[in-house]
Protein backbone atom coordinates (compact mmCIF):
# COMPACT_ATOMS: atom_id res chain seq x y z
CA MET A 1 0.00 0.00 0.00
CA ASN A 2 1.17 3.47 -0.83
CA LEU A 3 2.17 5.60 2.20
CA LYS A 4 0.46 8.62 0.70
CA LYS A 5 -2.88 6.75 0.77
CA VAL A 6 -2.25 5.67 4.36
CA PHE A 7 -1.66 9.22 5.63
CA PHE A 8 -3.94 11.24 3.37
CA GLY A 9 -6.53 8.65 2.36
CA GLU A 10 -8.37 8.53 -0.91
CA LYS A 11 -10.41 11.29 -2.45
CA MET A 12 -14.06 11.06 -1.39
CA PRO A 13 -15.95 9.50 -4.28
CA ASP A 14 -18.81 11.40 -5.90
CA LYS A 15 -22.16 9.61 -6.19
CA ASP A 16 -22.19 10.29 -9.94
CA ASP A 17 -18.66 8.99 -10.49
CA PRO A 18 -18.95 6.02 -12.87
CA LYS A 19 -16.28 4.14 -10.89
CA TYR A 20 -18.41 4.16 -7.73
CA LYS A 21 -21.93 4.60 -9.18
CA LYS A 22 -22.82 0.89 -9.11
CA ARG A 23 -21.54 0.48 -5.54
CA TYR A 24 -23.43 3.61 -4.41
CA GLU A 25 -26.71 2.44 -5.95
CA LYS A 26 -26.27 -1.00 -4.40
CA GLU A 27 -25.70 0.47 -0.92
CA VAL A 28 -28.64 2.87 -1.21
CA GLU A 29 -30.94 0.04 -2.31
CA ALA A 30 -29.77 -2.12 0.61
CA GLY A 31 -30.53 0.73 3.02
CA ARG A 32 -34.01 1.25 1.57
CA LYS A 33 -34.73 -2.48 1.72
CA THR A 34 -33.70 -2.60 5.39
CA ALA A 35 -35.82 0.47 6.21
CA ARG A 36 -38.85 -1.12 4.52
CA ALA A 37 -38.32 -4.40 6.36
CA LEU A 38 -38.12 -2.64 9.74
CA LYS A 39 -41.00 -0.28 8.85
CA LEU A 40 -38.74 2.68 9.51
CA ASP A 41 -39.83 4.40 6.34
CA THR A 42 -43.52 4.58 7.36
CA LEU A 43 -42.58 5.63 10.89
CA THR A 44 -40.39 8.40 9.51
CA TYR A 45 -43.06 9.61 7.10
CA SER A 46 -45.73 9.70 9.80
CA PHE A 47 -43.46 11.52 12.25
CA GLN A 48 -42.45 14.02 9.60
CA GLY A 49 -46.11 14.60 8.75
CA TRP A 50 -46.97 15.21 12.42
CA ALA A 51 -44.01 17.60 12.75
CA MET A 52 -45.15 19.55 9.69
CA LYS A 53 -48.73 19.80 11.03
CA HIS A 54 -47.75 20.75 14.56
CA SER A 55 -44.59 22.74 13.97
CA LYS A 56 -44.82 24.74 17.22
CA ALA A 57 -45.31 21.61 19.34
CA PHE A 58 -42.41 19.91 17.55
CA PHE A 59 -40.19 22.95 18.09
CA PHE A 60 -41.20 23.09 21.78
CA GLY A 61 -40.46 19.37 22.17
CA VAL A 62 -37.02 19.74 20.62
CA LEU A 63 -36.22 22.71 22.86
CA MET A 64 -37.39 20.82 25.97
CA LEU A 65 -35.22 17.84 25.00
CA ILE A 66 -32.19 20.10 24.60
CA ALA A 67 -32.92 21.84 27.94
CA PHE A 68 -33.30 18.45 29.67
CA ILE A 69 -29.98 17.22 28.27
CA ILE A 70 -28.21 20.42 29.36
CA LEU A 71 -29.70 20.22 32.88
CA VAL A 72 -28.72 16.57 33.29
CA SER A 73 -25.20 17.39 32.10
CA LEU A 74 -24.90 20.29 34.54
CA PHE A 75 -26.20 18.13 37.40
CA ARG A 76 -23.69 15.38 36.62
CA LEU A 77 -20.92 17.98 36.37
CA ALA A 78 -21.86 19.46 39.75
CA THR A 79 -21.99 16.06 41.47
CA ALA A 80 -18.73 14.92 39.88
CA THR A 81 -16.80 18.02 40.91
CA LYS A 82 -18.18 18.37 44.43
CA ILE A 83 -15.26 19.21 46.72
CA PRO A 84 -15.35 17.44 50.08
CA THR A 85 -15.62 19.80 53.04
CA SER A 86 -13.06 17.94 55.13
CA THR A 87 -10.31 15.64 54.07
CA THR A 88 -10.10 12.38 55.98
CA ASN A 89 -8.00 9.36 55.41
CA ALA A 90 -9.07 5.73 55.68
CA VAL A 91 -7.73 5.31 59.23
CA GLU A 92 -9.74 8.26 60.54
CA MET A 93 -12.89 6.96 58.86
CA GLN A 94 -12.44 3.51 60.42
CA GLU A 95 -11.79 5.00 63.85
CA ARG A 96 -14.94 7.10 63.58
CA ARG A 97 -16.94 4.00 62.74
CA LEU A 98 -15.38 2.15 65.66
CA HIS A 99 -16.34 4.96 68.02
CA GLU A 100 -19.95 4.53 66.96
CA THR A 101 -20.08 0.86 67.89
CA LYS A 102 -20.51 -0.67 71.31
CA LYS A 103 -17.43 -2.80 70.85
CA PHE A 104 -15.23 0.26 70.87
CA LYS A 105 -16.81 1.51 74.06
CA ALA A 106 -16.04 -1.81 75.74
CA TYR A 107 -12.52 -1.73 74.30
CA GLU A 108 -12.03 1.83 75.53
CA MET A 109 -13.14 0.88 79.04
CA GLN A 110 -10.76 -2.07 78.99
CA GLN A 111 -7.88 0.18 77.94
CA ARG A 112 -8.69 2.66 80.71
CA HIS A 113 -8.77 -0.19 83.23
CA ARG A 114 -5.36 -1.43 82.02
CA LYS A 115 -3.89 2.06 82.23
CA SER A 116 -5.22 2.54 85.75
CA LYS A 117 -3.78 -0.83 86.79
CA GLN A 118 -0.46 0.09 85.24
CA LEU A 119 -0.48 3.47 86.98
CA ASP A 120 -1.37 1.82 90.28
CA PHE A 121 1.44 -0.69 89.77
CA GLU A 122 3.92 2.07 88.92
CA ALA A 123 2.80 4.08 91.95
CA PHE A 124 3.15 1.01 94.14
CA ARG A 125 6.62 0.37 92.71
CA ALA A 126 7.64 3.98 93.35
CA LEU A 127 6.46 3.71 96.92
CA ASP A 128 8.17 0.38 97.35
CA SER A 129 11.50 1.68 96.05
CA GLU A 130 11.51 4.55 98.52
């Protein structure tokens, strides 16, 4: 393959170009056949007819769709960029959760009891050494 074709590609073929005319007609016919099989052509015609009859309602509907899409985008942008009020790390979060449970309260009381025993023992030792 030629490097020029790789980087710049080929010239876009015209629908009336005899080189591509047969291929173009074949692709258009395949598209029409698929649209007829899926009943997309009748759906499109009926929708276009309704839009032509009720042009103001169609215009209003299009504007409401655009406004809805913009509002959803702004909402997602706001929720995605919300800055947390306080920065906490994982250890602080786990400790906060532990404080909320009863287990931590029992653990805290146990630690206080151990500290008081240790202080009593150290005080007794200090008195004993004197």
